[in-house]
Protein backbone atom coordinates (compact mmCIF):
# COMPACT_ATOMS: atom_id res chain seq x y z
CA MET A 1 -0.04 38.63 2.10
CA PHE A 2 -0.58 35.31 2.85
CA VAL A 3 -0.99 31.70 3.50
CA LEU A 4 -2.53 29.08 0.92
CA LEU A 5 -2.92 26.64 3.87
CA ALA A 6 -5.14 24.37 2.12
CA SER A 7 -2.19 23.47 -0.33
CA LEU A 8 0.15 22.73 2.42
CA VAL A 9 0.63 19.20 3.35
CA LEU A 10 1.33 19.81 7.01
CA GLY A 11 2.88 16.67 8.83
CA ALA A 12 5.57 14.36 9.31
CA CYS A 13 7.12 11.79 7.16
CA SER A 14 6.63 8.14 7.70
CA SER A 15 8.33 4.96 6.34
CA SER A 16 6.60 2.16 4.64
CA ASP A 17 7.06 -1.58 4.65
CA ASP A 18 9.19 -1.29 1.26
CA ASP A 19 12.12 -0.62 3.36
CA ASN A 20 12.53 -4.44 4.18
CA ASN A 21 11.70 -4.02 7.82
CA VAL A 22 8.89 -6.64 7.58
CA ASN A 23 10.00 -9.59 9.68
CA ASP A 24 10.62 -13.07 8.09
CA PRO A 25 7.61 -15.10 8.33
CA LYS A 26 9.24 -17.82 10.44
CA ASN A 27 9.56 -15.02 13.16
CA ALA A 28 6.13 -14.01 12.89
CA ALA A 29 4.08 -17.16 13.75
CA TYR A 30 0.59 -16.23 15.05
CA THR A 31 -1.34 -17.44 18.06
CA GLU A 32 -5.00 -17.89 18.15
CA THR A 33 -7.61 -17.02 20.82
CA THR A 34 -11.43 -17.65 20.85
CA VAL A 35 -13.27 -14.33 21.99
CA THR A 36 -16.87 -13.67 22.66
CA GLU A 37 -16.71 -9.60 22.54
CA ALA A 38 -15.20 -7.47 19.81
CA PRO A 39 -12.02 -5.61 21.25
CA ALA A 40 -12.37 -1.92 21.71
CA TRP A 41 -8.88 -1.02 20.45
CA GLN A 42 -8.01 2.80 20.08
CA ILE A 43 -4.79 4.90 20.42
CA ASP A 44 -4.40 6.82 23.78
CA TRP A 45 -3.55 10.31 22.81
CA SER A 46 -3.26 11.43 26.32
CA ASN A 47 0.22 13.01 27.29
CA ASN A 48 1.73 15.27 30.11
CA GLN A 49 2.68 18.67 28.44
CA GLU A 50 1.75 21.94 30.08
CA ARG A 51 -0.27 24.53 28.64
CA PRO A 52 1.79 26.76 26.17
CA ASN A 53 2.26 30.46 27.64
CA TRP A 54 1.77 31.93 23.99
CA THR A 55 1.09 35.61 23.62
CA GLU A 56 -0.96 37.15 21.02
CA PRO A 57 0.83 38.95 18.17
CA ASP A 58 0.60 42.87 18.01
CA GLY A 59 -1.27 43.60 14.82
CA SER A 60 0.13 46.98 14.62
CA LEU A 61 3.46 45.59 13.71
CA TYR A 62 2.28 43.99 10.52
CA ALA A 63 1.10 45.31 7.28
CA ASN A 64 -1.23 42.39 6.21
CA TRP A 65 -3.58 39.88 7.75
CA THR A 66 -5.74 36.99 6.81
CA ILE A 67 -8.54 34.76 8.07
CA LEU A 68 -7.99 31.16 8.87
CA LYS A 69 -10.71 28.68 10.15
CA VAL A 70 -9.37 25.44 11.39
CA GLN A 71 -11.34 22.53 12.37
CA ILE A 72 -10.07 19.50 14.51
CA GLU A 73 -10.00 15.98 12.86
CA ASP A 74 -12.44 13.43 14.07
CA ALA A 75 -9.89 11.39 16.15
CA LEU A 76 -9.51 14.38 18.34
CA LYS A 77 -12.76 16.17 18.24
CA ALA A 78 -14.33 14.31 21.28
CA TYR A 79 -11.48 15.84 23.46
CA ALA A 80 -12.14 19.42 22.33
CA SER A 81 -12.62 21.95 25.20
CA ASP A 82 -12.64 25.58 25.86
CA GLY A 83 -9.23 25.39 27.24
CA ASP A 84 -7.72 24.52 24.04
CA LEU A 85 -5.28 26.63 22.06
CA MET A 86 -4.27 27.06 18.42
CA ALA A 87 -1.36 29.05 17.19
CA LEU A 88 0.37 29.84 13.86
CA PHE A 89 3.97 30.38 13.57
CA MET A 90 6.21 31.69 10.75
CA ASN A 91 9.84 31.27 10.94
CA GLY A 92 9.45 30.80 14.61
CA GLU A 93 7.41 33.91 15.17
CA ILE A 94 3.77 33.74 16.52
CA ARG A 95 1.41 35.28 13.93
CA ALA A 96 -1.91 34.00 15.05
CA LEU A 97 -3.38 32.81 18.32
CA ALA A 98 -6.91 31.57 19.16
CA LYS A 99 -9.12 29.75 21.57
CA PRO A 100 -11.89 27.37 20.07
CA ALA A 101 -15.32 28.80 19.03
CA VAL A 102 -18.18 27.74 21.00
CA ASN A 103 -21.85 27.07 20.28
CA VAL A 104 -23.97 30.24 20.74
CA GLY A 105 -26.59 28.28 22.64
CA GLY A 106 -25.05 25.60 24.64
CA GLY A 107 -21.34 26.96 25.11
CA THR A 108 -19.92 23.63 23.94
CA ALA A 109 -16.47 23.82 22.33
CA THR A 110 -16.81 22.97 18.62
CA GLY A 111 -13.39 21.93 17.68
CA LYS A 112 -13.17 24.96 15.25
CA PHE A 113 -10.77 27.85 15.67
CA LEU A 114 -11.24 31.26 13.84
CA MET A 115 -7.84 32.91 13.57
CA LYS A 116 -6.70 36.23 12.40
CA ALA A 117 -2.96 35.67 11.11
CA TYR A 118 -0.67 38.73 10.55
CA GLY A 119 2.46 39.38 8.46
CA ASN A 120 4.45 41.59 6.42
CA GLU A 121 5.10 39.03 3.56
CA THR A 122 4.35 40.14 0.11
CA GLY A 123 3.32 36.63 -1.30
CA SER A 124 6.62 35.39 -2.75
CA GLU A 125 8.63 34.32 0.05
CA THR A 126 9.55 30.82 1.09
CA VAL A 127 9.04 30.51 4.92
CA ASN A 128 8.86 27.94 7.72
CA MET A 129 5.12 27.57 8.63
CA SER A 130 3.96 25.82 11.86
CA LEU A 131 0.61 24.99 13.05
CA GLN A 132 0.14 24.05 16.63
CA TYR A 133 -2.70 22.77 18.53
CA TYR A 134 -2.89 22.41 22.38
CA SER A 135 -5.52 20.00 23.65
CA GLN A 136 -6.12 20.75 27.33
CA THR A 137 -7.97 17.52 27.87
CA LEU A 138 -5.18 15.49 26.50
CA LYS A 139 -2.36 17.90 27.91
CA HIS A 140 -0.81 17.08 24.17
CA LEU A 141 0.73 19.77 21.76
CA PHE A 142 0.38 18.71 18.18
CA THR A 143 2.56 20.42 15.58
CA LEU A 144 2.51 20.42 11.97
CA THR A 145 5.41 22.03 10.16
CA ASP A 146 6.66 22.58 6.53
CA ASN A 147 8.39 25.04 4.26
CA ILE A 148 6.06 26.53 1.79
CA THR A 149 5.80 29.38 -0.51
CA LEU A 150 3.19 31.90 0.49
CA ASP A 151 0.20 32.96 -1.56
CA SER A 152 -1.47 36.40 -1.52
CA ASP A 153 -5.00 37.60 -0.47
CA VAL A 154 -6.09 33.84 0.49
CA THR A 155 -8.62 33.07 3.18
CA THR A 156 -8.38 29.40 4.42
CA GLY A 157 -11.22 27.19 5.77
CA ILE A 158 -14.03 29.63 5.04
CA ASP A 159 -15.59 28.23 1.75
CA GLU A 160 -14.22 24.85 2.08
CA ALA A 161 -13.42 22.92 5.35
CA PHE A 162 -9.65 22.95 6.49
CA ILE A 163 -9.06 20.00 8.74
CA PRO A 164 -5.32 19.43 9.24
CA GLU A 165 -4.32 15.73 10.50
CA PHE A 166 -2.93 17.00 13.85
CA THR A 167 -2.23 13.39 14.79
CA LEU A 168 0.57 13.33 12.29
CA GLY A 169 2.26 15.76 14.51
CA SER A 170 1.85 14.22 17.77
CA ALA A 171 4.57 15.01 20.41
CA LYS A 172 3.92 11.66 22.10
CA TYR A 173 4.34 9.40 18.92
CA PRO A 174 6.93 11.26 16.73
CA VAL A 175 7.91 7.97 14.81
CA MET A 176 5.52 6.84 12.13
CA LYS A 177 5.47 3.92 9.72
CA VAL A 178 2.88 2.72 7.00
CA VAL A 179 2.73 -0.95 6.35
CA GLY A 180 0.48 -3.34 4.07
CA VAL A 181 -1.84 -5.36 6.41
CA GLU A 182 -2.50 -8.09 3.95
CA LEU A 183 1.32 -8.91 3.30
CA LEU A 184 2.05 -9.03 6.88
CA LEU A 185 -1.03 -11.38 7.52
CA THR A 186 -0.04 -13.60 4.71
CA LYS A 187 3.71 -13.74 5.60
CA ALA A 188 2.25 -15.16 9.13
CA GLY A 189 0.20 -17.74 7.47
CA LEU A 190 -3.18 -15.93 7.92
CA THR A 191 -5.72 -15.27 5.06
CA PRO A 192 -6.81 -11.75 5.06
CA VAL A 193 -10.61 -11.47 5.12
CA ILE A 194 -12.31 -8.11 4.27
CA GLY A 195 -13.90 -6.47 7.09
CA ASN A 196 -11.57 -8.05 9.82
CA THR A 197 -9.98 -5.39 12.32
CA VAL A 198 -6.29 -5.22 12.78
CA ALA A 199 -4.33 -3.28 15.42
CA ALA A 200 -0.79 -2.59 15.95
CA PHE A 201 0.45 -3.04 19.59
CA VAL A 202 3.85 -2.12 21.36
CA GLY A 203 3.50 -3.84 24.68
CA GLU A 204 0.03 -3.37 25.84
CA GLU A 205 -0.37 0.19 24.13
CA CYS A 206 -2.47 0.31 20.94
CA ARG A 207 -0.49 2.23 18.22
CA GLY A 208 -2.87 2.00 15.32
CA THR A 209 -6.13 0.35 14.00
CA VAL A 210 -7.62 -0.37 10.60
CA SER A 211 -10.29 -2.61 9.24
CA LEU A 212 -9.20 -4.66 5.90
CA SER A 213 -10.64 -2.94 2.79
CA THR A 214 -11.87 -4.65 -0.56
CA SER A 215 -8.60 -3.24 -2.20
CA GLY A 216 -6.62 -5.98 -1.08
CA ASN A 217 -3.80 -3.25 -0.12
CA THR A 218 -5.03 -1.96 3.34
CA GLN A 219 -2.60 0.42 4.70
CA LEU A 220 -2.03 0.77 8.60
CA LEU A 221 -0.45 3.91 9.86
CA ILE A 222 1.71 2.81 13.08
CA PHE A 223 2.60 5.45 15.61
CA GLY A 224 5.83 4.98 17.58
CA ARG A 225 7.52 6.69 20.49
CA ASN A 226 11.22 5.46 19.21
CA ASN A 227 12.65 4.11 16.36
CA GLY A 228 13.28 0.17 16.49
CA GLU A 229 10.36 -0.51 18.57
CA SER A 230 8.92 -4.02 17.92
CA VAL A 231 5.27 -4.17 16.85
CA THR A 232 2.87 -6.86 17.60
CA LEU A 233 -0.14 -7.29 15.18
CA LYS A 234 -3.64 -8.42 16.44
CA CYS A 235 -6.41 -9.48 14.02
CA TYR A 236 -10.05 -9.76 15.03
CA ASP A 237 -12.23 -11.87 12.94
CA ALA A 238 -15.81 -11.14 13.99
CA VAL A 239 -17.36 -14.17 12.07
CA ALA A 240 -14.93 -16.83 13.39
CA GLY A 241 -14.98 -15.10 16.97
CA LYS A 242 -11.13 -15.28 16.89
CA LEU A 243 -8.20 -13.19 17.83
CA TYR A 244 -4.96 -13.82 16.10
CA THR A 245 -1.90 -12.34 17.38
CA ILE A 246 1.49 -11.93 15.31
CA PRO A 247 4.66 -11.10 17.80
CA ASP A 248 7.40 -8.97 16.38
CA ALA A 249 5.48 -8.59 13.00
CA VAL A 250 7.37 -5.38 12.09
CA LYS A 251 9.70 -2.84 13.59
CA LEU A 252 9.53 0.83 13.45
């Protein structure tokens, strides 16, 4: 049987600023504020979802199985706890369920899950696969889904790390948009400076951060609750001690 997860791009689609949703520069004039400390911008991943009542699959019903080792991405690793759960579904049917592994000495959650996944597939079928991660600390269910063709006799995450980007499957932020930061800053009348930090906000809520790279084409992934939300950009210049704010810079 089974699952070549490493080749699976599990995630949600996002739009980009090529769709002409970048606002006209005359509507994106910036304001300038002098600051003495660097802002501590970060996305709040906490949610209010109940812990799933998943039931472990009955291995006797399946002819095949494989081993998966899944690691939590860095953005969520700090919230890992022994109350977390990881489940694998195929065509809506649960095929694997695991609690996180713990350090043998200290008993601390590692953010790693060792899963035994079951199936009757022969290896040629196309299936809808869903990998779901519930964070007990955040009370947040992250879901990554795609239609894939199975590969046979494959283990995943054993020889090479398998670290899905669960933040791309956030229940709290189902809308995503990628924008070119330098373009937005220039249109607002600001000169992009390598190393400056830029953050996206909807109201007072941070929806994404990035530091300007040397490429001149820095991409900022913005997370949204709903389509049509108006995004304010904030740019922090550590050398100048300035905070620049661009209201209504882009819409989701």
